Amino acid sequence: MADVARVAGVSPMTVSRAFKADSSVSEATREAILKAADELGYVFDSTASSLRSQRTDFVAVTIPSINNANFADTVRGLSDGLKARGLQILLGTTDYDMAEEERLIEQLLRRRPEAIVVTGGKHTARARRMLENAGIPVIETWDLPESPIGHVVGFSNAEAVKGMVDHFVAQGLTRIAFIGGDTSRDTRGADRRAGFIAAMQAHGLDAGRLIAVGAPPISMREGAEAMGRLLETLPDTQAVICVSDLSAFGALTECQRRGVDVPGRISLAGFGDYEIAEISVPPLTTINPFPREIGARVAELILDVIDGRQTGPATIAIAPELQLRPSSR
């Protein structure tokens, strides 16, 4: 800071005020200081200022995976909604592991974020205690937990899949299978599986056509493997619901490899409305959970809490939408 002050011909205190957009610094002086800082490659250290103001200007976020397009869209929507206020995201990935989520939550809370956003409504007991006592806004996303910790922006994964089952049954399809969601690591996938079972039972249909394969996230290769097993063990299956579009695409390619007509012989659906679902041949029926809207609504909620417009816990329900495409009847 002293080097910048010397080049700009001002005091170090003026440099500090300029970087904090203090109105006592004229625009011409601020421009001279920023020009000097740019020439020197100087980056303002806000640590001391944060200690005084008790503001860190970042929001902590945990997601299961950074290479999942849905979670990437949620982070993008959140980031876009926060950046106008100068709030940044500190991101951690859990790899679908609640123990890793617990470790990340502790590490992130030590840095005193303005808010913390977590994916899902199921956590270890210790992680839940830390969030309950964090003293900052806590937002659970991609779920509608029965006992929310604070705020919620999400949807019921089980109800979304129930709607898919109802659609297939309305088309006269009764022998329906589900691929994925066999492990507690992916709690949202497990909820989708539970929604499938509940919907089938509500229609008085066999809910036992369940093919579990691999640890989450289930890949296209594993989706193909699961479809192969299904075709060999339950060849009379009329429709298949996959836990994600990636596994559904793998299942589709396995059908094509074996000469199984989709949707003539088997109707096929995924979850997530990924880009691959729209451009596959045939395009995949899927469920759009509006991931970017989830992020945008979380950003709005955080700003409302910070500004005092939202004083109590809020639950914002997102309504997933069934996207009917040629992979199903």
C-alpha atoms as a PDB file:
ATOM      1  CA  MET A   1       0.000   0.000   0.000  1.00  0.00           C
ATOM      2  CA  ALA A   2       2.918   2.331   0.735  1.00  0.00           C
ATOM      3  CA  ASP A   3       4.343   1.605  -2.734  1.00  0.00           C
ATOM      4  CA  VAL A   4       1.003   2.478  -4.368  1.00  0.00           C
ATOM      5  CA  ALA A   5       0.786   5.665  -2.288  1.00  0.00           C
ATOM      6  CA  ARG A   6       4.284   6.712  -3.363  1.00  0.00           C
ATOM      7  CA  VAL A   7       3.549   6.175  -7.082  1.00  0.00           C
ATOM      8  CA  ALA A   8       0.162   7.925  -6.866  1.00  0.00           C
ATOM      9  CA  GLY A   9       1.507  10.777  -4.742  1.00  0.00           C
ATOM     10  CA  VAL A  10      -0.936  10.259  -1.884  1.00  0.00           C
ATOM     11  CA  SER A  11      -0.899   8.860   1.659  1.00  0.00           C
ATOM     12  CA  PRO A  12      -1.372   5.147   2.442  1.00  0.00           C
ATOM     13  CA  MET A  13      -4.616   6.059   4.251  1.00  0.00           C
ATOM     14  CA  THR A  14      -5.963   7.612   1.046  1.00  0.00           C
ATOM     15  CA  VAL A  15      -5.089   4.417  -0.822  1.00  0.00           C
ATOM     16  CA  SER A  16      -7.040   2.413   1.767  1.00  0.00           C
ATOM     17  CA  ARG A  17     -10.050   4.723   1.460  1.00  0.00           C
ATOM     18  CA  ALA A  18      -9.930   4.569  -2.336  1.00  0.00           C
ATOM     19  CA  PHE A  19     -10.142   0.773  -2.350  1.00  0.00           C
ATOM     20  CA  LYS A  20     -13.096   0.917   0.008  1.00  0.00           C
ATOM     21  CA  ALA A  21     -14.901   3.412  -2.267  1.00  0.00           C
ATOM     22  CA  ASP A  22     -14.860   6.054   0.489  1.00  0.00           C
ATOM     23  CA  SER A  23     -16.716   9.150  -0.726  1.00  0.00           C
ATOM     24  CA  SER A  24     -14.032  11.388   0.788  1.00  0.00           C
ATOM     25  CA  VAL A  25     -11.679  10.371  -2.057  1.00  0.00           C
ATOM     26  CA  SER A  26     -12.250  12.264  -5.310  1.00  0.00           C
ATOM     27  CA  GLU A  27     -12.807  10.344  -8.509  1.00  0.00           C
ATOM     28  CA  ALA A  28      -9.617  11.713 -10.046  1.00  0.00           C
ATOM     29  CA  THR A  29      -7.558  10.614  -7.030  1.00  0.00           C
ATOM     30  CA  ARG A  30      -9.202   7.207  -7.012  1.00  0.00           C
ATOM     31  CA  GLU A  31      -8.408   6.711 -10.701  1.00  0.00           C
ATOM     32  CA  ALA A  32      -4.762   7.678 -10.091  1.00  0.00           C
ATOM     33  CA  ILE A  33      -4.531   5.205  -7.215  1.00  0.00           C
ATOM     34  CA  LEU A  34      -6.132   2.369  -9.179  1.00  0.00           C
ATOM     35  CA  LYS A  35      -3.810   3.085 -12.112  1.00  0.00           C
ATOM     36  CA  ALA A  36      -0.791   2.931  -9.828  1.00  0.00           C
ATOM     37  CA  ALA A  37      -2.034  -0.296  -8.235  1.00  0.00           C
ATOM     38  CA  ASP A  38      -2.578  -1.826 -11.655  1.00  0.00           C
ATOM     39  CA  GLU A  39       0.949  -0.923 -12.762  1.00  0.00           C
ATOM     40  CA  LEU A  40       2.417  -2.445  -9.597  1.00  0.00           C
ATOM     41  CA  GLY A  41       0.178  -5.541  -9.643  1.00  0.00           C
ATOM     42  CA  TYR A  42      -1.113  -4.625  -6.179  1.00  0.00           C
ATOM     43  CA  VAL A  43      -4.155  -6.415  -4.679  1.00  0.00           C
ATOM     44  CA  PHE A  44      -5.862  -4.788  -1.709  1.00  0.00           C
ATOM     45  CA  ASP A  45      -5.697  -6.927   1.467  1.00  0.00           C
ATOM     46  CA  SER A  46      -9.128  -6.657   3.064  1.00  0.00           C
ATOM     47  CA  THR A  47      -8.311  -8.765   6.150  1.00  0.00           C
ATOM     48  CA  ALA A  48      -7.985  -5.875   8.585  1.00  0.00           C
ATOM     49  CA  SER A  49     -11.051  -4.162   7.175  1.00  0.00           C
ATOM     50  CA  SER A  50     -13.044  -7.395   7.556  1.00  0.00           C
ATOM     51  CA  LEU A  51     -11.993  -7.664  11.192  1.00  0.00           C
ATOM     52  CA  ARG A  52     -13.209  -4.137  11.889  1.00  0.00           C
ATOM     53  CA  SER A  53     -16.491  -4.394   9.964  1.00  0.00           C
ATOM     54  CA  GLN A  54     -17.234  -8.055  10.806  1.00  0.00           C
ATOM     55  CA  ARG A  55     -17.989  -8.518   7.100  1.00  0.00           C
ATOM     56  CA  THR A  56     -16.205 -11.010   4.859  1.00  0.00           C
ATOM     57  CA  ASP A  57     -18.270 -10.379   1.695  1.00  0.00           C
ATOM     58  CA  PHE A  58     -18.389 -14.022   0.644  1.00  0.00           C
ATOM     59  CA  VAL A  59     -21.032 -16.733   0.702  1.00  0.00           C
ATOM     60  CA  ALA A  60     -20.003 -20.344   1.358  1.00  0.00           C
ATOM     61  CA  VAL A  61     -21.515 -23.005  -0.899  1.00  0.00           C
ATOM     62  CA  THR A  62     -21.273 -26.802  -0.894  1.00  0.00           C
ATOM     63  CA  ILE A  63     -22.276 -28.905  -3.899  1.00  0.00           C
ATOM     64  CA  PRO A  64     -21.855 -32.647  -4.516  1.00  0.00           C
ATOM     65  CA  SER A  65     -19.886 -32.290  -7.761  1.00  0.00           C
ATOM     66  CA  ILE A  66     -18.319 -29.551  -9.874  1.00  0.00           C
ATOM     67  CA  ASN A  67     -18.740 -31.440 -13.159  1.00  0.00           C
ATOM     68  CA  ASN A  68     -22.509 -31.802 -12.837  1.00  0.00           C
ATOM     69  CA  ALA A  69     -24.204 -29.336 -15.181  1.00  0.00           C
ATOM     70  CA  ASN A  70     -27.209 -28.898 -12.880  1.00  0.00           C
ATOM     71  CA  PHE A  71     -25.129 -27.880  -9.863  1.00  0.00           C
ATOM     72  CA  ALA A  72     -22.941 -25.688 -12.073  1.00  0.00           C
ATOM     73  CA  ASP A  73     -26.076 -23.867 -13.238  1.00  0.00           C
ATOM     74  CA  THR A  74     -27.205 -23.387  -9.642  1.00  0.00           C
ATOM     75  CA  VAL A  75     -23.834 -21.867  -8.722  1.00  0.00           C
ATOM     76  CA  ARG A  76     -23.984 -19.650 -11.819  1.00  0.00           C
ATOM     77  CA  GLY A  77     -27.445 -18.360 -10.912  1.00  0.00           C
ATOM     78  CA  LEU A  78     -26.305 -17.710  -7.340  1.00  0.00           C
ATOM     79  CA  SER A  79     -23.112 -15.954  -8.435  1.00  0.00           C
ATOM     80  CA  ASP A  80     -24.949 -13.746 -10.929  1.00  0.00           C
ATOM     81  CA  GLY A  81     -27.413 -12.691  -8.237  1.00  0.00           C
ATOM     82  CA  LEU A  82     -24.720 -11.806  -5.698  1.00  0.00           C
ATOM     83  CA  LYS A  83     -22.011 -10.126  -7.737  1.00  0.00           C
ATOM     84  CA  ALA A  84     -23.822  -6.782  -8.091  1.00  0.00           C
ATOM     85  CA  ARG A  85     -23.510  -6.461  -4.301  1.00  0.00           C
ATOM     86  CA  GLY A  86     -19.832  -7.406  -4.331  1.00  0.00           C
ATOM     87  CA  LEU A  87     -20.469 -10.780  -2.699  1.00  0.00           C
ATOM     88  CA  GLN A  88     -18.307 -13.673  -3.875  1.00  0.00           C
ATOM     89  CA  ILE A  89     -18.713 -17.438  -3.597  1.00  0.00           C
ATOM     90  CA  LEU A  90     -16.359 -19.766  -1.737  1.00  0.00           C
ATOM     91  CA  LEU A  91     -17.152 -23.200  -3.157  1.00  0.00           C
ATOM     92  CA  GLY A  92     -16.587 -26.656  -1.699  1.00  0.00           C
ATOM     93  CA  THR A  93     -17.435 -30.054  -3.227  1.00  0.00           C
ATOM     94  CA  THR A  94     -18.605 -32.975  -1.103  1.00  0.00           C
ATOM     95  CA  ASP A  95     -18.353 -35.808  -3.657  1.00  0.00           C
ATOM     96  CA  TYR A  96     -21.766 -37.022  -2.434  1.00  0.00           C
ATOM     97  CA  ASP A  97     -20.206 -37.797   0.957  1.00  0.00           C
ATOM     98  CA  MET A  98     -21.922 -36.488   4.096  1.00  0.00           C
ATOM     99  CA  ALA A  99     -18.746 -36.922   6.157  1.00  0.00           C
ATOM    100  CA  GLU A 100     -16.896 -34.740   3.660  1.00  0.00           C
ATOM    101  CA  GLU A 101     -19.753 -32.231   3.789  1.00  0.00           C
ATOM    102  CA  GLU A 102     -19.351 -32.086   7.568  1.00  0.00           C
ATOM    103  CA  ARG A 103     -15.615 -31.375   7.226  1.00  0.00           C
ATOM    104  CA  LEU A 104     -16.241 -28.664   4.628  1.00  0.00           C
ATOM    105  CA  ILE A 105     -18.956 -26.990   6.689  1.00  0.00           C
ATOM    106  CA  GLU A 106     -16.565 -26.687   9.626  1.00  0.00           C
ATOM    107  CA  GLN A 107     -13.789 -25.273   7.432  1.00  0.00           C
ATOM    108  CA  LEU A 108     -16.112 -22.807   5.722  1.00  0.00           C
ATOM    109  CA  LEU A 109     -17.748 -21.588   8.928  1.00  0.00           C
ATOM    110  CA  ARG A 110     -14.313 -20.834  10.406  1.00  0.00           C
ATOM    111  CA  ARG A 111     -13.982 -18.145   7.738  1.00  0.00           C
ATOM    112  CA  ARG A 112     -17.220 -16.457   8.892  1.00  0.00           C
ATOM    113  CA  PRO A 113     -19.135 -16.232   5.608  1.00  0.00           C
ATOM    114  CA  GLU A 114     -22.135 -13.922   5.243  1.00  0.00           C
ATOM    115  CA  ALA A 115     -24.301 -17.014   4.588  1.00  0.00           C
ATOM    116  CA  ILE A 116     -23.858 -20.709   3.863  1.00  0.00           C
ATOM    117  CA  VAL A 117     -25.680 -22.644   1.142  1.00  0.00           C
ATOM    118  CA  VAL A 118     -25.740 -26.451   1.262  1.00  0.00           C
ATOM    119  CA  THR A 119     -27.102 -28.983  -1.210  1.00  0.00           C
ATOM    120  CA  GLY A 120     -29.788 -31.272   0.169  1.00  0.00           C
ATOM    121  CA  GLY A 121     -31.595 -31.519   3.479  1.00  0.00           C
ATOM    122  CA  LYS A 122     -29.815 -34.525   4.990  1.00  0.00           C
ATOM    123  CA  HIS A 123     -26.594 -34.035   6.975  1.00  0.00           C
ATOM    124  CA  THR A 124     -24.597 -35.725   9.712  1.00  0.00           C
ATOM    125  CA  ALA A 125     -25.716 -34.882  13.258  1.00  0.00           C
ATOM    126  CA  ARG A 126     -22.563 -32.807  13.833  1.00  0.00           C
ATOM    127  CA  ALA A 127     -22.934 -30.915  10.563  1.00  0.00           C
ATOM    128  CA  ARG A 128     -26.513 -30.088  11.483  1.00  0.00           C
ATOM    129  CA  ARG A 129     -25.458 -28.791  14.913  1.00  0.00           C
ATOM    130  CA  MET A 130     -22.795 -26.578  13.347  1.00  0.00           C
ATOM    131  CA  LEU A 131     -25.292 -25.139  10.879  1.00  0.00           C
ATOM    132  CA  GLU A 132     -27.924 -24.583  13.570  1.00  0.00           C
ATOM    133  CA  ASN A 133     -25.412 -22.626  15.663  1.00  0.00           C
ATOM    134  CA  ALA A 134     -23.679 -20.813  12.808  1.00  0.00           C
ATOM    135  CA  GLY A 135     -25.328 -17.459  13.538  1.00  0.00           C
ATOM    136  CA  ILE A 136     -25.633 -16.708   9.803  1.00  0.00           C
ATOM    137  CA  PRO A 137     -28.292 -17.467   7.182  1.00  0.00           C
ATOM    138  CA  VAL A 138     -28.337 -21.177   6.280  1.00  0.00           C
ATOM    139  CA  ILE A 139     -30.021 -22.179   3.027  1.00  0.00           C
ATOM    140  CA  GLU A 140     -30.674 -25.800   2.084  1.00  0.00           C
ATOM    141  CA  THR A 141     -31.213 -26.360  -1.636  1.00  0.00           C
ATOM    142  CA  TRP A 142     -32.333 -29.050  -4.087  1.00  0.00           C
ATOM    143  CA  ASP A 143     -34.641 -30.538  -1.473  1.00  0.00           C
ATOM    144  CA  LEU A 144     -37.666 -29.817   0.722  1.00  0.00           C
ATOM    145  CA  PRO A 145     -36.504 -31.256   4.079  1.00  0.00           C
ATOM    146  CA  GLU A 146     -39.101 -32.139   6.701  1.00  0.00           C
ATOM    147  CA  SER A 147     -37.078 -30.344   9.407  1.00  0.00           C
ATOM    148  CA  PRO A 148     -35.248 -27.457   7.739  1.00  0.00           C
ATOM    149  CA  ILE A 149     -32.360 -25.838   9.568  1.00  0.00           C
ATOM    150  CA  GLY A 150     -33.169 -22.362   8.315  1.00  0.00           C
ATOM    151  CA  HIS A 151     -34.167 -21.336   4.815  1.00  0.00           C
ATOM    152  CA  VAL A 152     -34.989 -23.695   1.943  1.00  0.00           C
ATOM    153  CA  VAL A 153     -34.999 -23.251  -1.828  1.00  0.00           C
ATOM    154  CA  GLY A 154     -35.790 -26.502  -3.579  1.00  0.00           C
ATOM    155  CA  PHE A 155     -38.276 -29.177  -4.519  1.00  0.00           C
ATOM    156  CA  SER A 156     -39.346 -32.696  -3.626  1.00  0.00           C
ATOM    157  CA  ASN A 157     -37.322 -35.182  -5.658  1.00  0.00           C
ATOM    158  CA  ALA A 158     -39.792 -37.898  -4.720  1.00  0.00           C
ATOM    159  CA  GLU A 159     -42.807 -35.932  -5.920  1.00  0.00           C
ATOM    160  CA  ALA A 160     -41.070 -35.074  -9.194  1.00  0.00           C
ATOM    161  CA  VAL A 161     -40.572 -38.768 -10.007  1.00  0.00           C
ATOM    162  CA  LYS A 162     -44.098 -39.592  -8.892  1.00  0.00           C
ATOM    163  CA  GLY A 163     -45.313 -37.268 -11.633  1.00  0.00           C
ATOM    164  CA  MET A 164     -43.248 -39.183 -14.185  1.00  0.00           C
ATOM    165  CA  VAL A 165     -44.746 -42.499 -13.033  1.00  0.00           C
ATOM    166  CA  ASP A 166     -48.256 -41.043 -13.230  1.00  0.00           C
ATOM    167  CA  HIS A 167     -47.601 -39.964 -16.817  1.00  0.00           C
ATOM    168  CA  PHE A 168     -46.416 -43.408 -17.893  1.00  0.00           C
ATOM    169  CA  VAL A 169     -49.354 -45.131 -16.199  1.00  0.00           C
ATOM    170  CA  ALA A 170     -51.746 -42.729 -17.944  1.00  0.00           C
ATOM    171  CA  GLN A 171     -50.209 -43.918 -21.236  1.00  0.00           C
ATOM    172  CA  GLY A 172     -51.115 -47.501 -20.354  1.00  0.00           C
ATOM    173  CA  LEU A 173     -47.599 -48.515 -19.284  1.00  0.00           C
ATOM    174  CA  THR A 174     -47.599 -50.591 -16.112  1.00  0.00           C
ATOM    175  CA  ARG A 175     -44.326 -52.560 -16.115  1.00  0.00           C
ATOM    176  CA  ILE A 176     -42.014 -49.697 -15.177  1.00  0.00           C
ATOM    177  CA  ALA A 177     -38.441 -49.912 -13.901  1.00  0.00           C
ATOM    178  CA  PHE A 178     -36.117 -47.506 -12.104  1.00  0.00           C
ATOM    179  CA  ILE A 179     -32.351 -47.272 -12.601  1.00  0.00           C
ATOM    180  CA  GLY A 180     -30.213 -45.745  -9.808  1.00  0.00           C
ATOM    181  CA  GLY A 181     -30.607 -44.255  -6.345  1.00  0.00           C
ATOM    182  CA  ASP A 182     -29.484 -47.315  -4.388  1.00  0.00           C
ATOM    183  CA  THR A 183     -27.081 -45.616  -1.982  1.00  0.00           C
ATOM    184  CA  SER A 184     -27.330 -43.193   0.924  1.00  0.00           C
ATOM    185  CA  ARG A 185     -24.474 -41.156  -0.600  1.00  0.00           C
ATOM    186  CA  ASP A 186     -26.872 -39.581  -3.107  1.00  0.00           C
ATOM    187  CA  THR A 187     -29.801 -38.686  -0.898  1.00  0.00           C
ATOM    188  CA  ARG A 188     -31.633 -36.925  -3.721  1.00  0.00           C
ATOM    189  CA  GLY A 189     -31.264 -40.010  -5.907  1.00  0.00           C
ATOM    190  CA  ALA A 190     -32.551 -42.126  -3.035  1.00  0.00           C
ATOM    191  CA  ASP A 191     -35.556 -39.798  -2.739  1.00  0.00           C
ATOM    192  CA  ARG A 192     -36.269 -40.232  -6.456  1.00  0.00           C
ATOM    193  CA  ARG A 193     -36.156 -43.985  -6.021  1.00  0.00           C
ATOM    194  CA  ALA A 194     -38.497 -43.735  -3.007  1.00  0.00           C
ATOM    195  CA  GLY A 195     -40.860 -41.559  -5.047  1.00  0.00           C
ATOM    196  CA  PHE A 196     -40.892 -44.196  -7.778  1.00  0.00           C
ATOM    197  CA  ILE A 197     -41.725 -46.964  -5.305  1.00  0.00           C
ATOM    198  CA  ALA A 198     -44.479 -44.928  -3.616  1.00  0.00           C
ATOM    199  CA  ALA A 199     -46.085 -43.988  -6.932  1.00  0.00           C
ATOM    200  CA  MET A 200     -46.039 -47.543  -8.257  1.00  0.00           C
ATOM    201  CA  GLN A 201     -47.580 -48.840  -5.042  1.00  0.00           C
ATOM    202  CA  ALA A 202     -50.238 -46.122  -5.150  1.00  0.00           C
ATOM    203  CA  HIS A 203     -51.238 -47.409  -8.594  1.00  0.00           C
ATOM    204  CA  GLY A 204     -51.269 -50.992  -7.302  1.00  0.00           C
ATOM    205  CA  LEU A 205     -48.314 -51.910  -9.529  1.00  0.00           C
ATOM    206  CA  ASP A 206     -45.128 -53.916  -8.971  1.00  0.00           C
ATOM    207  CA  ALA A 207     -42.451 -51.560  -7.604  1.00  0.00           C
ATOM    208  CA  GLY A 208     -39.687 -54.159  -7.610  1.00  0.00           C
ATOM    209  CA  ARG A 209     -38.113 -53.404 -10.972  1.00  0.00           C
ATOM    210  CA  LEU A 210     -35.141 -51.631  -9.390  1.00  0.00           C
ATOM    211  CA  ILE A 211     -31.688 -51.721 -10.956  1.00  0.00           C
ATOM    212  CA  ALA A 212     -28.900 -50.396  -8.732  1.00  0.00           C
ATOM    213  CA  VAL A 213     -25.510 -49.759 -10.277  1.00  0.00           C
ATOM    214  CA  GLY A 214     -22.383 -47.883  -9.190  1.00  0.00           C
ATOM    215  CA  ALA A 215     -21.725 -45.103  -6.717  1.00  0.00           C
ATOM    216  CA  PRO A 216     -23.096 -41.631  -7.431  1.00  0.00           C
ATOM    217  CA  PRO A 217     -23.014 -39.900  -9.728  1.00  0.00           C
ATOM    218  CA  ILE A 218     -24.039 -42.761 -12.033  1.00  0.00           C
ATOM    219  CA  SER A 219     -22.238 -42.405 -15.339  1.00  0.00           C
ATOM    220  CA  MET A 220     -23.408 -43.017 -18.893  1.00  0.00           C
ATOM    221  CA  ARG A 221     -21.401 -46.257 -18.909  1.00  0.00           C
ATOM    222  CA  GLU A 222     -23.138 -47.442 -15.734  1.00  0.00           C
ATOM    223  CA  GLY A 223     -26.508 -46.470 -17.178  1.00  0.00           C
ATOM    224  CA  ALA A 224     -25.762 -48.670 -20.182  1.00  0.00           C
ATOM    225  CA  GLU A 225     -24.701 -51.523 -17.905  1.00  0.00           C
ATOM    226  CA  ALA A 226     -27.889 -51.202 -15.867  1.00  0.00           C
ATOM    227  CA  MET A 227     -30.084 -51.231 -18.979  1.00  0.00           C
ATOM    228  CA  GLY A 228     -28.291 -54.337 -20.214  1.00  0.00           C
ATOM    229  CA  ARG A 229     -29.057 -56.108 -16.948  1.00  0.00           C
ATOM    230  CA  LEU A 230     -32.661 -54.954 -17.083  1.00  0.00           C
ATOM    231  CA  LEU A 231     -33.190 -56.193 -20.636  1.00  0.00           C
ATOM    232  CA  GLU A 232     -31.725 -59.576 -19.724  1.00  0.00           C
ATOM    233  CA  THR A 233     -33.571 -60.107 -16.421  1.00  0.00           C
ATOM    234  CA  LEU A 234     -36.862 -58.254 -17.019  1.00  0.00           C
ATOM    235  CA  PRO A 235     -37.335 -58.229 -20.794  1.00  0.00           C
ATOM    236  CA  ASP A 236     -41.048 -57.433 -20.572  1.00  0.00           C
ATOM    237  CA  THR A 237     -40.359 -53.968 -19.062  1.00  0.00           C
ATOM    238  CA  GLN A 238     -42.357 -51.265 -20.845  1.00  0.00           C
ATOM    239  CA  ALA A 239     -40.783 -48.088 -19.448  1.00  0.00           C
ATOM    240  CA  VAL A 240     -37.639 -47.056 -17.574  1.00  0.00           C
ATOM    241  CA  ILE A 241     -37.066 -44.017 -15.381  1.00  0.00           C
ATOM    242  CA  CYS A 242     -33.397 -43.185 -14.743  1.00  0.00           C
ATOM    243  CA  VAL A 243     -32.037 -41.221 -11.795  1.00  0.00           C
ATOM    244  CA  SER A 244     -30.352 -38.731 -14.152  1.00  0.00           C
ATOM    245  CA  ASP A 245     -30.122 -37.811 -17.822  1.00  0.00           C
ATOM    246  CA  LEU A 246     -26.565 -39.135 -18.003  1.00  0.00           C
ATOM    247  CA  SER A 247     -27.616 -42.617 -16.925  1.00  0.00           C
ATOM    248  CA  ALA A 248     -30.648 -42.353 -19.226  1.00  0.00           C
ATOM    249  CA  PHE A 249     -28.393 -41.535 -22.185  1.00  0.00           C
ATOM    250  CA  GLY A 250     -26.283 -44.584 -21.373  1.00  0.00           C
ATOM    251  CA  ALA A 251     -29.445 -46.691 -21.180  1.00  0.00           C
ATOM    252  CA  LEU A 252     -30.569 -45.300 -24.541  1.00  0.00           C
ATOM    253  CA  THR A 253     -27.300 -46.227 -26.240  1.00  0.00           C
ATOM    254  CA  GLU A 254     -27.525 -49.760 -24.818  1.00  0.00           C
ATOM    255  CA  CYS A 255     -31.008 -50.105 -26.310  1.00  0.00           C
ATOM    256  CA  GLN A 256     -29.649 -48.957 -29.662  1.00  0.00           C
ATOM    257  CA  ARG A 257     -26.734 -51.380 -29.367  1.00  0.00           C
ATOM    258  CA  ARG A 258     -29.162 -54.262 -28.833  1.00  0.00           C
ATOM    259  CA  GLY A 259     -31.659 -53.143 -31.454  1.00  0.00           C
ATOM    260  CA  VAL A 260     -34.351 -52.296 -28.892  1.00  0.00           C
ATOM    261  CA  ASP A 261     -36.686 -49.643 -30.262  1.00  0.00           C
ATOM    262  CA  VAL A 262     -37.142 -46.544 -28.113  1.00  0.00           C
ATOM    263  CA  PRO A 263     -39.980 -45.656 -27.590  1.00  0.00           C
ATOM    264  CA  GLY A 264     -41.689 -48.385 -29.638  1.00  0.00           C
ATOM    265  CA  ARG A 265     -40.448 -51.198 -27.425  1.00  0.00           C
ATOM    266  CA  ILE A 266     -39.457 -49.292 -24.258  1.00  0.00           C
ATOM    267  CA  SER A 267     -40.208 -45.738 -23.155  1.00  0.00           C
ATOM    268  CA  LEU A 268     -37.229 -44.061 -21.500  1.00  0.00           C
ATOM    269  CA  ALA A 269     -36.881 -41.013 -19.252  1.00  0.00           C
ATOM    270  CA  GLY A 270     -34.183 -39.260 -17.250  1.00  0.00           C
ATOM    271  CA  PHE A 271     -33.916 -36.429 -14.737  1.00  0.00           C
ATOM    272  CA  GLY A 272     -32.235 -33.025 -14.920  1.00  0.00           C
ATOM    273  CA  ASP A 273     -32.931 -31.728 -18.444  1.00  0.00           C
ATOM    274  CA  TYR A 274     -29.237 -31.705 -19.356  1.00  0.00           C
ATOM    275  CA  GLU A 275     -28.214 -30.525 -22.809  1.00  0.00           C
ATOM    276  CA  ILE A 276     -27.521 -34.133 -23.801  1.00  0.00           C
ATOM    277  CA  ALA A 277     -31.185 -35.004 -23.202  1.00  0.00           C
ATOM    278  CA  GLU A 278     -32.294 -32.510 -25.836  1.00  0.00           C
ATOM    279  CA  ILE A 279     -29.802 -33.483 -28.544  1.00  0.00           C
ATOM    280  CA  SER A 280     -29.798 -37.279 -28.121  1.00  0.00           C
ATOM    281  CA  VAL A 281     -31.513 -39.430 -30.761  1.00  0.00           C
ATOM    282  CA  PRO A 282     -34.302 -39.685 -29.899  1.00  0.00           C
ATOM    283  CA  PRO A 283     -34.401 -36.733 -27.478  1.00  0.00           C
ATOM    284  CA  LEU A 284     -34.977 -37.839 -23.885  1.00  0.00           C
ATOM    285  CA  THR A 285     -38.090 -37.258 -21.859  1.00  0.00           C
ATOM    286  CA  THR A 286     -36.880 -35.768 -18.581  1.00  0.00           C
ATOM    287  CA  ILE A 287     -37.686 -33.528 -15.613  1.00  0.00           C
ATOM    288  CA  ASN A 288     -36.429 -29.952 -15.566  1.00  0.00           C
ATOM    289  CA  PRO A 289     -35.663 -28.929 -11.943  1.00  0.00           C
ATOM    290  CA  PHE A 290     -34.742 -25.365 -12.988  1.00  0.00           C
ATOM    291  CA  PRO A 291     -31.281 -25.398 -11.382  1.00  0.00           C
ATOM    292  CA  ARG A 292     -30.360 -21.856 -12.401  1.00  0.00           C
ATOM    293  CA  GLU A 293     -33.589 -20.517 -10.913  1.00  0.00           C
ATOM    294  CA  ILE A 294     -32.717 -22.267  -7.644  1.00  0.00           C
ATOM    295  CA  GLY A 295     -29.428 -20.342  -7.528  1.00  0.00           C
ATOM    296  CA  ALA A 296     -31.083 -17.052  -8.462  1.00  0.00           C
ATOM    297  CA  ARG A 297     -33.761 -17.441  -5.780  1.00  0.00           C
ATOM    298  CA  VAL A 298     -31.098 -18.303  -3.176  1.00  0.00           C
ATOM    299  CA  ALA A 299     -29.236 -15.094  -4.076  1.00  0.00           C
ATOM    300  CA  GLU A 300     -32.428 -13.040  -3.699  1.00  0.00           C
ATOM    301  CA  LEU A 301     -33.128 -14.653  -0.342  1.00  0.00           C
ATOM    302  CA  ILE A 302     -29.619 -13.991   0.974  1.00  0.00           C
ATOM    303  CA  LEU A 303     -29.850 -10.312   0.034  1.00  0.00           C
ATOM    304  CA  ASP A 304     -33.318 -10.052   1.582  1.00  0.00           C
ATOM    305  CA  VAL A 305     -31.993 -11.478   4.854  1.00  0.00           C
ATOM    306  CA  ILE A 306     -28.910  -9.239   4.864  1.00  0.00           C
ATOM    307  CA  ASP A 307     -31.033  -6.166   4.140  1.00  0.00           C
ATOM    308  CA  GLY A 308     -33.639  -7.062   6.769  1.00  0.00           C
ATOM    309  CA  ARG A 309     -36.514  -7.689   4.350  1.00  0.00           C
ATOM    310  CA  GLN A 310     -36.663 -11.361   5.365  1.00  0.00           C
ATOM    311  CA  THR A 311     -36.688 -11.866   9.120  1.00  0.00           C
ATOM    312  CA  GLY A 312     -37.959 -15.419   9.564  1.00  0.00           C
ATOM    313  CA  PRO A 313     -37.196 -18.787   7.934  1.00  0.00           C
ATOM    314  CA  ALA A 314     -38.368 -18.959   4.326  1.00  0.00           C
ATOM    315  CA  THR A 315     -39.231 -21.965   2.191  1.00  0.00           C
ATOM    316  CA  ILE A 316     -39.257 -21.298  -1.536  1.00  0.00           C
ATOM    317  CA  ALA A 317     -40.633 -24.257  -3.473  1.00  0.00           C
ATOM    318  CA  ILE A 318     -39.519 -24.719  -7.068  1.00  0.00           C
ATOM    319  CA  ALA A 319     -41.895 -26.691  -9.315  1.00  0.00           C
ATOM    320  CA  PRO A 320     -39.993 -29.133 -11.573  1.00  0.00           C
ATOM    321  CA  GLU A 321     -41.466 -29.545 -15.033  1.00  0.00           C
ATOM    322  CA  LEU A 322     -41.968 -32.750 -17.010  1.00  0.00           C
ATOM    323  CA  GLN A 323     -40.383 -32.378 -20.460  1.00  0.00           C
ATOM    324  CA  LEU A 324     -42.034 -34.857 -22.843  1.00  0.00           C
ATOM    325  CA  ARG A 325     -39.808 -35.824 -25.761  1.00  0.00           C
ATOM    326  CA  PRO A 326     -39.723 -38.638 -28.351  1.00  0.00           C
ATOM    327  CA  SER A 327     -37.964 -41.186 -26.085  1.00  0.00           C
ATOM    328  CA  SER A 328     -41.328 -41.934 -24.445  1.00  0.00           C
ATOM    329  CA  ARG A 329     -44.879 -42.544 -25.529  1.00  0.00           C
END
